[in-house]
Amino acid sequence: LQDLEYIRSATKKPVEVHMMIKKPDSYLRLFTSKNVDTIYIHP
């Protein structure tokens, strides 16, 4: 998360998150709160 936070703070370009995580909904707020532009999940 610290890597995501830094990259988000260091650029105005879009940042996208690719969640390769089981039960992504359980962790979603960790990423929706980081001002990212796109989130991919694995169905």
PDB file of all heavy atoms in Angstrom:
ATOM      1  N   LEU A   1       0.822  -1.207   0.000  1.00  0.00           N
ATOM      2  CA  LEU A   1       0.000   0.000   0.000  1.00  0.00           C
ATOM      3  C   LEU A   1       0.857   1.259   0.000  1.00  0.00           C
ATOM      4  O   LEU A   1       0.494   2.270  -0.595  1.00  0.00           O
ATOM      5  CB  LEU A   1      -0.940  -0.001   1.213  1.00  0.00           C
ATOM      6  CG  LEU A   1      -2.144  -0.930   1.143  1.00  0.00           C
ATOM      7  CD1 LEU A   1      -2.870  -0.933   2.475  1.00  0.00           C
ATOM      8  CD2 LEU A   1      -3.083  -0.512   0.021  1.00  0.00           C
ATOM      9  N   GLN A   2       2.010   1.198   0.670  1.00  0.00           N
ATOM     10  CA  GLN A   2       2.880   2.369   0.705  1.00  0.00           C
ATOM     11  C   GLN A   2       3.438   2.684  -0.683  1.00  0.00           C
ATOM     12  O   GLN A   2       3.654   3.857  -1.020  1.00  0.00           O
ATOM     13  CB  GLN A   2       4.023   2.184   1.720  1.00  0.00           C
ATOM     14  CG  GLN A   2       5.047   1.136   1.352  1.00  0.00           C
ATOM     15  CD  GLN A   2       4.644  -0.265   1.772  1.00  0.00           C
ATOM     16  OE1 GLN A   2       3.483  -0.520   2.099  1.00  0.00           O
ATOM     17  NE2 GLN A   2       5.609  -1.175   1.779  1.00  0.00           N
ATOM     18  N   ASP A   3       3.673   1.642  -1.488  1.00  0.00           N
ATOM     19  CA  ASP A   3       4.122   1.865  -2.866  1.00  0.00           C
ATOM     20  C   ASP A   3       3.033   2.553  -3.677  1.00  0.00           C
ATOM     21  O   ASP A   3       3.298   3.495  -4.437  1.00  0.00           O
ATOM     22  CB  ASP A   3       4.488   0.540  -3.530  1.00  0.00           C
ATOM     23  CG  ASP A   3       5.580  -0.205  -2.789  1.00  0.00           C
ATOM     24  OD1 ASP A   3       6.545   0.449  -2.348  1.00  0.00           O
ATOM     25  OD2 ASP A   3       5.462  -1.436  -2.647  1.00  0.00           O
ATOM     26  N   LEU A   4       1.813   2.063  -3.512  1.00  0.00           N
ATOM     27  CA  LEU A   4       0.674   2.672  -4.199  1.00  0.00           C
ATOM     28  C   LEU A   4       0.511   4.126  -3.781  1.00  0.00           C
ATOM     29  O   LEU A   4       0.326   5.014  -4.623  1.00  0.00           O
ATOM     30  CB  LEU A   4      -0.598   1.881  -3.893  1.00  0.00           C
ATOM     31  CG  LEU A   4      -1.924   2.507  -4.339  1.00  0.00           C
ATOM     32  CD1 LEU A   4      -1.952   2.720  -5.838  1.00  0.00           C
ATOM     33  CD2 LEU A   4      -3.099   1.632  -3.894  1.00  0.00           C
ATOM     34  N   GLU A   5       0.579   4.384  -2.487  1.00  0.00           N
ATOM     35  CA  GLU A   5       0.409   5.744  -1.990  1.00  0.00           C
ATOM     36  C   GLU A   5       1.474   6.677  -2.542  1.00  0.00           C
ATOM     37  O   GLU A   5       1.185   7.817  -2.935  1.00  0.00           O
ATOM     38  CB  GLU A   5       0.438   5.747  -0.463  1.00  0.00           C
ATOM     39  CG  GLU A   5      -0.781   5.107   0.175  1.00  0.00           C
ATOM     40  CD  GLU A   5      -0.627   4.935   1.679  1.00  0.00           C
ATOM     41  OE1 GLU A   5       0.491   5.165   2.196  1.00  0.00           O
ATOM     42  OE2 GLU A   5      -1.620   4.567   2.334  1.00  0.00           O
ATOM     43  N   TYR A   6       2.714   6.187  -2.585  1.00  0.00           N
ATOM     44  CA  TYR A   6       3.781   7.054  -3.086  1.00  0.00           C
ATOM     45  C   TYR A   6       3.596   7.356  -4.571  1.00  0.00           C
ATOM     46  O   TYR A   6       3.680   8.525  -4.998  1.00  0.00           O
ATOM     47  CB  TYR A   6       5.163   6.435  -2.869  1.00  0.00           C
ATOM     48  CG  TYR A   6       6.202   7.313  -3.515  1.00  0.00           C
ATOM     49  CD1 TYR A   6       6.578   8.510  -2.919  1.00  0.00           C
ATOM     50  CD2 TYR A   6       6.728   7.000  -4.769  1.00  0.00           C
ATOM     51  CE1 TYR A   6       7.472   9.369  -3.544  1.00  0.00           C
ATOM     52  CE2 TYR A   6       7.627   7.852  -5.390  1.00  0.00           C
ATOM     53  CZ  TYR A   6       7.986   9.031  -4.773  1.00  0.00           C
ATOM     54  OH  TYR A   6       8.851   9.888  -5.408  1.00  0.00           O
ATOM     55  N   ILE A   7       3.350   6.335  -5.377  1.00  0.00           N
ATOM     56  CA  ILE A   7       3.196   6.547  -6.816  1.00  0.00           C
ATOM     57  C   ILE A   7       2.011   7.459  -7.094  1.00  0.00           C
ATOM     58  O   ILE A   7       2.088   8.349  -7.942  1.00  0.00           O
ATOM     59  CB  ILE A   7       3.062   5.195  -7.542  1.00  0.00           C
ATOM     60  CG1 ILE A   7       4.380   4.423  -7.434  1.00  0.00           C
ATOM     61  CG2 ILE A   7       2.675   5.385  -9.008  1.00  0.00           C
ATOM     62  CD1 ILE A   7       4.301   2.988  -7.890  1.00  0.00           C
ATOM     63  N   ARG A   8       0.922   7.262  -6.337  1.00  0.00           N
ATOM     64  CA  ARG A   8      -0.232   8.135  -6.515  1.00  0.00           C
ATOM     65  C   ARG A   8       0.124   9.592  -6.200  1.00  0.00           C
ATOM     66  O   ARG A   8      -0.323  10.522  -6.889  1.00  0.00           O
ATOM     67  CB  ARG A   8      -1.374   7.674  -5.621  1.00  0.00           C
ATOM     68  CG  ARG A   8      -2.607   8.557  -5.599  1.00  0.00           C
ATOM     69  CD  ARG A   8      -3.372   8.589  -6.917  1.00  0.00           C
ATOM     70  NE  ARG A   8      -2.733   9.372  -7.974  1.00  0.00           N
ATOM     71  CZ  ARG A   8      -3.162   9.440  -9.233  1.00  0.00           C
ATOM     72  NH1 ARG A   8      -4.239   8.764  -9.595  1.00  0.00           N
ATOM     73  NH2 ARG A   8      -2.517  10.152 -10.138  1.00  0.00           N
ATOM     74  N   SER A   9       0.935   9.809  -5.176  1.00  0.00           N
ATOM     75  CA  SER A   9       1.302  11.171  -4.792  1.00  0.00           C
ATOM     76  C   SER A   9       2.326  11.787  -5.736  1.00  0.00           C
ATOM     77  O   SER A   9       2.445  13.010  -5.816  1.00  0.00           O
ATOM     78  CB  SER A   9       1.873  11.180  -3.368  1.00  0.00           C
ATOM     79  OG  SER A   9       3.145  10.542  -3.314  1.00  0.00           O
ATOM     80  N   ALA A  10       3.063  10.934  -6.469  1.00  0.00           N
ATOM     81  CA  ALA A  10       4.171  11.421  -7.292  1.00  0.00           C
ATOM     82  C   ALA A  10       3.778  11.735  -8.725  1.00  0.00           C
ATOM     83  O   ALA A  10       4.597  12.265  -9.479  1.00  0.00           O
ATOM     84  CB  ALA A  10       5.297  10.394  -7.280  1.00  0.00           C
ATOM     85  N   THR A  11       2.556  11.391  -9.121  1.00  0.00           N
ATOM     86  CA  THR A  11       2.156  11.615 -10.510  1.00  0.00           C
ATOM     87  C   THR A  11       0.711  12.095 -10.603  1.00  0.00           C
ATOM     88  O   THR A  11      -0.112  11.783  -9.732  1.00  0.00           O
ATOM     89  CB  THR A  11       2.310  10.329 -11.338  1.00  0.00           C
ATOM     90  OG1 THR A  11       1.959  10.599 -12.704  1.00  0.00           O
ATOM     91  CG2 THR A  11       1.419   9.216 -10.812  1.00  0.00           C
ATOM     92  N   LYS A  12       0.438  12.839 -11.651  1.00  0.00           N
ATOM     93  CA  LYS A  12      -0.936  13.229 -11.961  1.00  0.00           C
ATOM     94  C   LYS A  12      -1.543  12.323 -13.026  1.00  0.00           C
ATOM     95  O   LYS A  12      -2.711  12.478 -13.377  1.00  0.00           O
ATOM     96  CB  LYS A  12      -0.961  14.685 -12.425  1.00  0.00           C
ATOM     97  CG  LYS A  12      -0.578  15.673 -11.323  1.00  0.00           C
ATOM     98  CD  LYS A  12      -0.681  17.114 -11.803  1.00  0.00           C
ATOM     99  CE  LYS A  12      -0.314  18.076 -10.671  1.00  0.00           C
ATOM    100  NZ  LYS A  12      -0.373  19.501 -11.106  1.00  0.00           N
ATOM    101  N   LYS A  13      -0.731  11.392 -13.518  1.00  0.00           N
ATOM    102  CA  LYS A  13      -1.233  10.438 -14.499  1.00  0.00           C
ATOM    103  C   LYS A  13      -2.188   9.460 -13.813  1.00  0.00           C
ATOM    104  O   LYS A  13      -2.138   9.267 -12.594  1.00  0.00           O
ATOM    105  CB  LYS A  13      -0.057   9.654 -15.099  1.00  0.00           C
ATOM    106  CG  LYS A  13       0.922  10.501 -15.897  1.00  0.00           C
ATOM    107  CD  LYS A  13       0.469  10.684 -17.317  1.00  0.00           C
ATOM    108  CE  LYS A  13       1.556  11.346 -18.154  1.00  0.00           C
ATOM    109  NZ  LYS A  13       1.172  11.473 -19.566  1.00  0.00           N
ATOM    110  N   PRO A  14      -3.060   8.811 -14.587  1.00  0.00           N
ATOM    111  CA  PRO A  14      -3.943   7.804 -13.997  1.00  0.00           C
ATOM    112  C   PRO A  14      -3.164   6.659 -13.351  1.00  0.00           C
ATOM    113  O   PRO A  14      -2.105   6.267 -13.839  1.00  0.00           O
ATOM    114  CB  PRO A  14      -4.763   7.301 -15.193  1.00  0.00           C
ATOM    115  CG  PRO A  14      -4.725   8.418 -16.176  1.00  0.00           C
ATOM    116  CD  PRO A  14      -3.376   9.052 -16.013  1.00  0.00           C
ATOM    117  N   VAL A  15      -3.693   6.153 -12.255  1.00  0.00           N
ATOM    118  CA  VAL A  15      -3.123   4.999 -11.553  1.00  0.00           C
ATOM    119  C   VAL A  15      -4.188   3.913 -11.488  1.00  0.00           C
ATOM    120  O   VAL A  15      -5.323   4.167 -11.067  1.00  0.00           O
ATOM    121  CB  VAL A  15      -2.663   5.382 -10.136  1.00  0.00           C
ATOM    122  CG1 VAL A  15      -2.228   4.141  -9.359  1.00  0.00           C
ATOM    123  CG2 VAL A  15      -1.524   6.397 -10.190  1.00  0.00           C
ATOM    124  N   GLU A  16      -3.826   2.714 -11.906  1.00  0.00           N
ATOM    125  CA  GLU A  16      -4.771   1.597 -11.894  1.00  0.00           C
ATOM    126  C   GLU A  16      -4.254   0.493 -10.994  1.00  0.00           C
ATOM    127  O   GLU A  16      -3.048   0.247 -10.925  1.00  0.00           O
ATOM    128  CB  GLU A  16      -5.009   1.078 -13.312  1.00  0.00           C
ATOM    129  CG  GLU A  16      -3.758   0.672 -14.056  1.00  0.00           C
ATOM    130  CD  GLU A  16      -4.011   0.415 -15.530  1.00  0.00           C
ATOM    131  OE1 GLU A  16      -4.597   1.298 -16.194  1.00  0.00           O
ATOM    132  OE2 GLU A  16      -3.614  -0.669 -16.009  1.00  0.00           O
ATOM    133  N   VAL A  17      -5.173  -0.153 -10.299  1.00  0.00           N
ATOM    134  CA  VAL A  17      -4.837  -1.220  -9.358  1.00  0.00           C
ATOM    135  C   VAL A  17      -5.370  -2.544  -9.894  1.00  0.00           C
ATOM    136  O   VAL A  17      -6.544  -2.655 -10.248  1.00  0.00           O
ATOM    137  CB  VAL A  17      -5.427  -0.944  -7.960  1.00  0.00           C
ATOM    138  CG1 VAL A  17      -5.215  -2.143  -7.045  1.00  0.00           C
ATOM    139  CG2 VAL A  17      -4.795   0.301  -7.352  1.00  0.00           C
ATOM    140  N   HIS A  18      -4.500  -3.534  -9.925  1.00  0.00           N
ATOM    141  CA  HIS A  18      -4.856  -4.883 -10.348  1.00  0.00           C
ATOM    142  C   HIS A  18      -4.852  -5.760  -9.102  1.00  0.00           C
ATOM    143  O   HIS A  18      -3.793  -6.120  -8.589  1.00  0.00           O
ATOM    144  CB  HIS A  18      -3.847  -5.367 -11.386  1.00  0.00           C
ATOM    145  CG  HIS A  18      -4.095  -6.746 -11.897  1.00  0.00           C
ATOM    146  ND1 HIS A  18      -3.252  -7.367 -12.801  1.00  0.00           N
ATOM    147  CD2 HIS A  18      -5.084  -7.646 -11.649  1.00  0.00           C
ATOM    148  CE1 HIS A  18      -3.711  -8.577 -13.066  1.00  0.00           C
ATOM    149  NE2 HIS A  18      -4.819  -8.774 -12.376  1.00  0.00           N
ATOM    150  N   MET A  19      -6.040  -6.090  -8.593  1.00  0.00           N
ATOM    151  CA  MET A  19      -6.177  -6.852  -7.359  1.00  0.00           C
ATOM    152  C   MET A  19      -6.125  -8.349  -7.644  1.00  0.00           C
ATOM    153  O   MET A  19      -7.107  -8.948  -8.071  1.00  0.00           O
ATOM    154  CB  MET A  19      -7.484  -6.495  -6.649  1.00  0.00           C
ATOM    155  CG  MET A  19      -7.555  -5.076  -6.122  1.00  0.00           C
ATOM    156  SD  MET A  19      -9.118  -4.749  -5.227  1.00  0.00           S
ATOM    157  CE  MET A  19      -8.913  -5.810  -3.780  1.00  0.00           C
ATOM    158  N   MET A  20      -4.976  -8.956  -7.395  1.00  0.00           N
ATOM    159  CA  MET A  20      -4.844 -10.412  -7.461  1.00  0.00           C
ATOM    160  C   MET A  20      -4.962 -10.929  -6.035  1.00  0.00           C
ATOM    161  O   MET A  20      -3.989 -11.406  -5.426  1.00  0.00           O
ATOM    162  CB  MET A  20      -3.509 -10.779  -8.109  1.00  0.00           C
ATOM    163  CG  MET A  20      -3.474 -10.498  -9.588  1.00  0.00           C
ATOM    164  SD  MET A  20      -1.860 -10.797 -10.357  1.00  0.00           S
ATOM    165  CE  MET A  20      -1.217  -9.121 -10.386  1.00  0.00           C
ATOM    166  N   ILE A  21      -6.179 -10.810  -5.508  1.00  0.00           N
ATOM    167  CA  ILE A  21      -6.443 -11.009  -4.085  1.00  0.00           C
ATOM    168  C   ILE A  21      -7.731 -11.805  -3.914  1.00  0.00           C
ATOM    169  O   ILE A  21      -8.729 -11.520  -4.574  1.00  0.00           O
ATOM    170  CB  ILE A  21      -6.577  -9.640  -3.374  1.00  0.00           C
ATOM    171  CG1 ILE A  21      -5.248  -8.869  -3.439  1.00  0.00           C
ATOM    172  CG2 ILE A  21      -7.057  -9.794  -1.946  1.00  0.00           C
ATOM    173  CD1 ILE A  21      -5.337  -7.457  -2.899  1.00  0.00           C
ATOM    174  N   LYS A  22      -7.721 -12.795  -3.024  1.00  0.00           N
ATOM    175  CA  LYS A  22      -8.945 -13.528  -2.708  1.00  0.00           C
ATOM    176  C   LYS A  22      -9.923 -12.625  -1.955  1.00  0.00           C
ATOM    177  O   LYS A  22      -9.518 -11.795  -1.147  1.00  0.00           O
ATOM    178  CB  LYS A  22      -8.622 -14.758  -1.847  1.00  0.00           C
ATOM    179  CG  LYS A  22      -7.880 -15.859  -2.594  1.00  0.00           C
ATOM    180  CD  LYS A  22      -7.638 -17.058  -1.702  1.00  0.00           C
ATOM    181  CE  LYS A  22      -8.942 -17.770  -1.370  1.00  0.00           C
ATOM    182  NZ  LYS A  22      -8.681 -19.031  -0.625  1.00  0.00           N
ATOM    183  N   LYS A  23     -11.203 -12.797  -2.251  1.00  0.00           N
ATOM    184  CA  LYS A  23     -12.259 -12.014  -1.626  1.00  0.00           C
ATOM    185  C   LYS A  23     -11.943 -10.510  -1.696  1.00  0.00           C
ATOM    186  O   LYS A  23     -11.834  -9.827  -0.668  1.00  0.00           O
ATOM    187  CB  LYS A  23     -12.463 -12.440  -0.169  1.00  0.00           C
ATOM    188  CG  LYS A  23     -12.850 -13.900  -0.009  1.00  0.00           C
ATOM    189  CD  LYS A  23     -13.049 -14.269   1.452  1.00  0.00           C
ATOM    190  CE  LYS A  23     -13.395 -15.727   1.604  1.00  0.00           C
ATOM    191  NZ  LYS A  23     -13.561 -16.120   3.045  1.00  0.00           N
ATOM    192  N   PRO A  24     -11.802  -9.979  -2.900  1.00  0.00           N
ATOM    193  CA  PRO A  24     -11.378  -8.577  -3.042  1.00  0.00           C
ATOM    194  C   PRO A  24     -12.300  -7.570  -2.369  1.00  0.00           C
ATOM    195  O   PRO A  24     -11.841  -6.510  -1.936  1.00  0.00           O
ATOM    196  CB  PRO A  24     -11.349  -8.372  -4.561  1.00  0.00           C
ATOM    197  CG  PRO A  24     -12.208  -9.459  -5.124  1.00  0.00           C
ATOM    198  CD  PRO A  24     -12.036 -10.617  -4.204  1.00  0.00           C
ATOM    199  N   ASP A  25     -13.576  -7.894  -2.245  1.00  0.00           N
ATOM    200  CA  ASP A  25     -14.499  -6.932  -1.622  1.00  0.00           C
ATOM    201  C   ASP A  25     -14.124  -6.665  -0.163  1.00  0.00           C
ATOM    202  O   ASP A  25     -14.388  -5.576   0.361  1.00  0.00           O
ATOM    203  CB  ASP A  25     -15.936  -7.448  -1.708  1.00  0.00           C
ATOM    204  CG  ASP A  25     -16.955  -6.327  -1.565  1.00  0.00           C
ATOM    205  OD1 ASP A  25     -16.708  -5.243  -2.125  1.00  0.00           O
ATOM    206  OD2 ASP A  25     -17.971  -6.534  -0.891  1.00  0.00           O
ATOM    207  N   SER A  26     -13.491  -7.642   0.488  1.00  0.00           N
ATOM    208  CA  SER A  26     -13.102  -7.475   1.887  1.00  0.00           C
ATOM    209  C   SER A  26     -12.001  -6.433   2.060  1.00  0.00           C
ATOM    210  O   SER A  26     -11.825  -5.883   3.151  1.00  0.00           O
ATOM    211  CB  SER A  26     -12.620  -8.812   2.466  1.00  0.00           C
ATOM    212  OG  SER A  26     -13.636  -9.789   2.407  1.00  0.00           O
ATOM    213  N   TYR A  27     -11.247  -6.180   0.985  1.00  0.00           N
ATOM    214  CA  TYR A  27     -10.104  -5.259   1.058  1.00  0.00           C
ATOM    215  C   TYR A  27     -10.292  -4.024   0.192  1.00  0.00           C
ATOM    216  O   TYR A  27      -9.385  -3.194   0.097  1.00  0.00           O
ATOM    217  CB  TYR A  27      -8.832  -5.995   0.616  1.00  0.00           C
ATOM    218  CG  TYR A  27      -8.568  -7.249   1.407  1.00  0.00           C
ATOM    219  CD1 TYR A  27      -8.975  -8.492   0.928  1.00  0.00           C
ATOM    220  CD2 TYR A  27      -7.917  -7.202   2.635  1.00  0.00           C
ATOM    221  CE1 TYR A  27      -8.748  -9.648   1.652  1.00  0.00           C
ATOM    222  CE2 TYR A  27      -7.687  -8.352   3.370  1.00  0.00           C
ATOM    223  CZ  TYR A  27      -8.102  -9.570   2.870  1.00  0.00           C
ATOM    224  OH  TYR A  27      -7.879 -10.716   3.597  1.00  0.00           O
ATOM    225  N   LEU A  28     -11.463  -3.904  -0.409  1.00  0.00           N
ATOM    226  CA  LEU A  28     -11.664  -2.884  -1.432  1.00  0.00           C
ATOM    227  C   LEU A  28     -11.441  -1.461  -0.914  1.00  0.00           C
ATOM    228  O   LEU A  28     -10.863  -0.616  -1.602  1.00  0.00           O
ATOM    229  CB  LEU A  28     -13.069  -3.021  -2.026  1.00  0.00           C
ATOM    230  CG  LEU A  28     -13.320  -2.318  -3.360  1.00  0.00           C
ATOM    231  CD1 LEU A  28     -12.342  -2.802  -4.421  1.00  0.00           C
ATOM    232  CD2 LEU A  28     -14.759  -2.558  -3.803  1.00  0.00           C
ATOM    233  N   ARG A  29     -11.869  -1.188   0.315  1.00  0.00           N
ATOM    234  CA  ARG A  29     -11.747   0.175   0.840  1.00  0.00           C
ATOM    235  C   ARG A  29     -10.299   0.617   0.982  1.00  0.00           C
ATOM    236  O   ARG A  29     -10.011   1.816   0.983  1.00  0.00           O
ATOM    237  CB  ARG A  29     -12.466   0.279   2.190  1.00  0.00           C
ATOM    238  CG  ARG A  29     -13.989   0.193   2.064  1.00  0.00           C
ATOM    239  CD  ARG A  29     -14.671   0.396   3.397  1.00  0.00           C
ATOM    240  NE  ARG A  29     -16.114   0.262   3.282  1.00  0.00           N
ATOM    241  CZ  ARG A  29     -16.961   0.365   4.304  1.00  0.00           C
ATOM    242  NH1 ARG A  29     -16.484   0.596   5.525  1.00  0.00           N
ATOM    243  NH2 ARG A  29     -18.250   0.223   4.111  1.00  0.00           N
ATOM    244  N   LEU A  30      -9.391  -0.336   1.123  1.00  0.00           N
ATOM    245  CA  LEU A  30      -7.971   0.013   1.174  1.00  0.00           C
ATOM    246  C   LEU A  30      -7.524   0.696  -0.111  1.00  0.00           C
ATOM    247  O   LEU A  30      -6.594   1.506  -0.102  1.00  0.00           O
ATOM    248  CB  LEU A  30      -7.127  -1.232   1.404  1.00  0.00           C
ATOM    249  CG  LEU A  30      -7.257  -1.934   2.754  1.00  0.00           C
ATOM    250  CD1 LEU A  30      -6.448  -3.229   2.740  1.00  0.00           C
ATOM    251  CD2 LEU A  30      -6.801  -1.028   3.883  1.00  0.00           C
ATOM    252  N   PHE A  31      -8.206   0.369  -1.211  1.00  0.00           N
ATOM    253  CA  PHE A  31      -7.803   0.884  -2.519  1.00  0.00           C
ATOM    254  C   PHE A  31      -8.711   2.007  -3.015  1.00  0.00           C
ATOM    255  O   PHE A  31      -8.234   2.949  -3.646  1.00  0.00           O
ATOM    256  CB  PHE A  31      -7.760  -0.260  -3.526  1.00  0.00           C
ATOM    257  CG  PHE A  31      -6.868  -1.379  -3.083  1.00  0.00           C
ATOM    258  CD1 PHE A  31      -7.382  -2.578  -2.629  1.00  0.00           C
ATOM    259  CD2 PHE A  31      -5.489  -1.218  -3.096  1.00  0.00           C
ATOM    260  CE1 PHE A  31      -6.556  -3.602  -2.203  1.00  0.00           C
ATOM    261  CE2 PHE A  31      -4.645  -2.233  -2.672  1.00  0.00           C
ATOM    262  CZ  PHE A  31      -5.179  -3.429  -2.225  1.00  0.00           C
ATOM    263  N   THR A  32      -9.991   1.920  -2.720  1.00  0.00           N
ATOM    264  CA  THR A  32     -10.883   2.996  -3.156  1.00  0.00           C
ATOM    265  C   THR A  32     -10.572   4.303  -2.425  1.00  0.00           C
ATOM    266  O   THR A  32     -10.926   5.378  -2.906  1.00  0.00           O
ATOM    267  CB  THR A  32     -12.359   2.629  -2.930  1.00  0.00           C
ATOM    268  OG1 THR A  32     -12.573   2.318  -1.538  1.00  0.00           O
ATOM    269  CG2 THR A  32     -12.766   1.431  -3.775  1.00  0.00           C
ATOM    270  N   SER A  33      -9.895   4.207  -1.294  1.00  0.00           N
ATOM    271  CA  SER A  33      -9.551   5.414  -0.527  1.00  0.00           C
ATOM    272  C   SER A  33      -8.245   6.060  -0.994  1.00  0.00           C
ATOM    273  O   SER A  33      -7.840   7.093  -0.449  1.00  0.00           O
ATOM    274  CB  SER A  33      -9.434   5.076   0.959  1.00  0.00           C
ATOM    275  OG  SER A  33      -8.369   4.154   1.186  1.00  0.00           O
ATOM    276  N   LYS A  34      -7.581   5.474  -1.997  1.00  0.00           N
ATOM    277  CA  LYS A  34      -6.260   5.958  -2.421  1.00  0.00           C
ATOM    278  C   LYS A  34      -6.317   6.855  -3.665  1.00  0.00           C
ATOM    279  O   LYS A  34      -5.288   7.143  -4.265  1.00  0.00           O
ATOM    280  CB  LYS A  34      -5.331   4.781  -2.703  1.00  0.00           C
ATOM    281  CG  LYS A  34      -5.141   3.829  -1.535  1.00  0.00           C
ATOM    282  CD  LYS A  34      -4.637   4.529  -0.281  1.00  0.00           C
ATOM    283  CE  LYS A  34      -4.448   3.519   0.845  1.00  0.00           C
ATOM    284  NZ  LYS A  34      -4.127   4.165   2.126  1.00  0.00           N
ATOM    285  N   ASN A  35      -7.497   7.267  -4.057  1.00  0.00           N
ATOM    286  CA  ASN A  35      -7.635   8.172  -5.206  1.00  0.00           C
ATOM    287  C   ASN A  35      -7.101   7.560  -6.498  1.00  0.00           C
ATOM    288  O   ASN A  35      -6.464   8.225  -7.307  1.00  0.00           O
ATOM    289  CB  ASN A  35      -6.930   9.510  -4.928  1.00  0.00           C
ATOM    290  CG  ASN A  35      -7.327  10.596  -5.925  1.00  0.00           C
ATOM    291  OD1 ASN A  35      -8.441  10.611  -6.438  1.00  0.00           O
ATOM    292  ND2 ASN A  35      -6.405  11.509  -6.216  1.00  0.00           N
ATOM    293  N   VAL A  36      -7.357   6.261  -6.681  1.00  0.00           N
ATOM    294  CA  VAL A  36      -6.944   5.596  -7.913  1.00  0.00           C
ATOM    295  C   VAL A  36      -8.030   5.766  -8.962  1.00  0.00           C
ATOM    296  O   VAL A  36      -9.163   6.152  -8.659  1.00  0.00           O
ATOM    297  CB  VAL A  36      -6.638   4.106  -7.681  1.00  0.00           C
ATOM    298  CG1 VAL A  36      -5.519   3.948  -6.663  1.00  0.00           C
ATOM    299  CG2 VAL A  36      -7.880   3.339  -7.236  1.00  0.00           C
ATOM    300  N   ASP A  37      -7.681   5.468 -10.206  1.00  0.00           N
ATOM    301  CA  ASP A  37      -8.602   5.727 -11.313  1.00  0.00           C
ATOM    302  C   ASP A  37      -9.344   4.488 -11.801  1.00  0.00           C
ATOM    303  O   ASP A  37     -10.483   4.586 -12.252  1.00  0.00           O
ATOM    304  CB  ASP A  37      -7.816   6.355 -12.472  1.00  0.00           C
ATOM    305  CG  ASP A  37      -7.159   7.664 -12.071  1.00  0.00           C
ATOM    306  OD1 ASP A  37      -7.823   8.706 -12.156  1.00  0.00           O
ATOM    307  OD2 ASP A  37      -5.991   7.636 -11.631  1.00  0.00           O
ATOM    308  N   THR A  38      -8.676   3.344 -11.729  1.00  0.00           N
ATOM    309  CA  THR A  38      -9.270   2.084 -12.192  1.00  0.00           C
ATOM    310  C   THR A  38      -8.907   0.976 -11.216  1.00  0.00           C
ATOM    311  O   THR A  38      -7.791   0.951 -10.684  1.00  0.00           O
ATOM    312  CB  THR A  38      -8.735   1.707 -13.594  1.00  0.00           C
ATOM    313  OG1 THR A  38      -9.044   2.740 -14.520  1.00  0.00           O
ATOM    314  CG2 THR A  38      -9.345   0.392 -14.083  1.00  0.00           C
ATOM    315  N   ILE A  39      -9.847   0.065 -10.974  1.00  0.00           N
ATOM    316  CA  ILE A  39      -9.564  -1.131 -10.178  1.00  0.00           C
ATOM    317  C   ILE A  39     -10.048  -2.353 -10.955  1.00  0.00           C
ATOM    318  O   ILE A  39     -11.208  -2.430 -11.355  1.00  0.00           O
ATOM    319  CB  ILE A  39     -10.244  -1.091  -8.797  1.00  0.00           C
ATOM    320  CG1 ILE A  39      -9.659   0.032  -7.938  1.00  0.00           C
ATOM    321  CG2 ILE A  39     -10.091  -2.434  -8.085  1.00  0.00           C
ATOM    322  CD1 ILE A  39     -10.292   0.164  -6.573  1.00  0.00           C
ATOM    323  N   TYR A  40      -9.124  -3.301 -11.154  1.00  0.00           N
ATOM    324  CA  TYR A  40      -9.452  -4.590 -11.756  1.00  0.00           C
ATOM    325  C   TYR A  40      -9.551  -5.636 -10.653  1.00  0.00           C
ATOM    326  O   TYR A  40      -8.694  -5.690  -9.769  1.00  0.00           O
ATOM    327  CB  TYR A  40      -8.355  -5.045 -12.720  1.00  0.00           C
ATOM    328  CG  TYR A  40      -8.147  -4.200 -13.939  1.00  0.00           C
ATOM    329  CD1 TYR A  40      -7.077  -3.303 -14.000  1.00  0.00           C
ATOM    330  CD2 TYR A  40      -8.966  -4.310 -15.058  1.00  0.00           C
ATOM    331  CE1 TYR A  40      -6.843  -2.535 -15.139  1.00  0.00           C
ATOM    332  CE2 TYR A  40      -8.747  -3.547 -16.195  1.00  0.00           C
ATOM    333  CZ  TYR A  40      -7.678  -2.659 -16.227  1.00  0.00           C
ATOM    334  OH  TYR A  40      -7.449  -1.903 -17.349  1.00  0.00           O
ATOM    335  N   ILE A  41     -10.560  -6.472 -10.732  1.00  0.00           N
ATOM    336  CA  ILE A  41     -10.644  -7.646  -9.870  1.00  0.00           C
ATOM    337  C   ILE A  41     -10.688  -8.895 -10.738  1.00  0.00           C
ATOM    338  O   ILE A  41     -11.000  -8.825 -11.934  1.00  0.00           O
ATOM    339  CB  ILE A  41     -11.879  -7.611  -8.944  1.00  0.00           C
ATOM    340  CG1 ILE A  41     -13.172  -7.727  -9.778  1.00  0.00           C
ATOM    341  CG2 ILE A  41     -11.882  -6.364  -8.071  1.00  0.00           C
ATOM    342  CD1 ILE A  41     -14.395  -8.072  -8.964  1.00  0.00           C
ATOM    343  N   HIS A  42     -10.370 -10.033 -10.135  1.00  0.00           N
ATOM    344  CA  HIS A  42     -10.505 -11.320 -10.810  1.00  0.00           C
ATOM    345  C   HIS A  42     -11.826 -11.952 -10.372  1.00  0.00           C
ATOM    346  O   HIS A  42     -12.018 -12.211  -9.175  1.00  0.00           O
ATOM    347  CB  HIS A  42      -9.343 -12.249 -10.441  1.00  0.00           C
ATOM    348  CG  HIS A  42      -8.083 -11.945 -11.173  1.00  0.00           C
ATOM    349  ND1 HIS A  42      -7.675 -12.639 -12.285  1.00  0.00           N
ATOM    350  CD2 HIS A  42      -7.134 -10.997 -10.946  1.00  0.00           C
ATOM    351  CE1 HIS A  42      -6.522 -12.149 -12.720  1.00  0.00           C
ATOM    352  NE2 HIS A  42      -6.171 -11.153 -11.920  1.00  0.00           N
ATOM    353  N   PRO A  43     -12.752 -12.184 -11.288  1.00  0.00           N
ATOM    354  CA  PRO A  43     -14.042 -12.781 -10.909  1.00  0.00           C
ATOM    355  C   PRO A  43     -13.895 -14.090 -10.156  1.00  0.00           C
ATOM    356  O   PRO A  43     -14.688 -14.396  -9.265  1.00  0.00           O
ATOM    357  CB  PRO A  43     -14.746 -12.985 -12.256  1.00  0.00           C
ATOM    358  CG  PRO A  43     -14.133 -11.977 -13.167  1.00  0.00           C
ATOM    359  CD  PRO A  43     -12.700 -11.870 -12.726  1.00  0.00           C
TER     360      PRO A  43
END
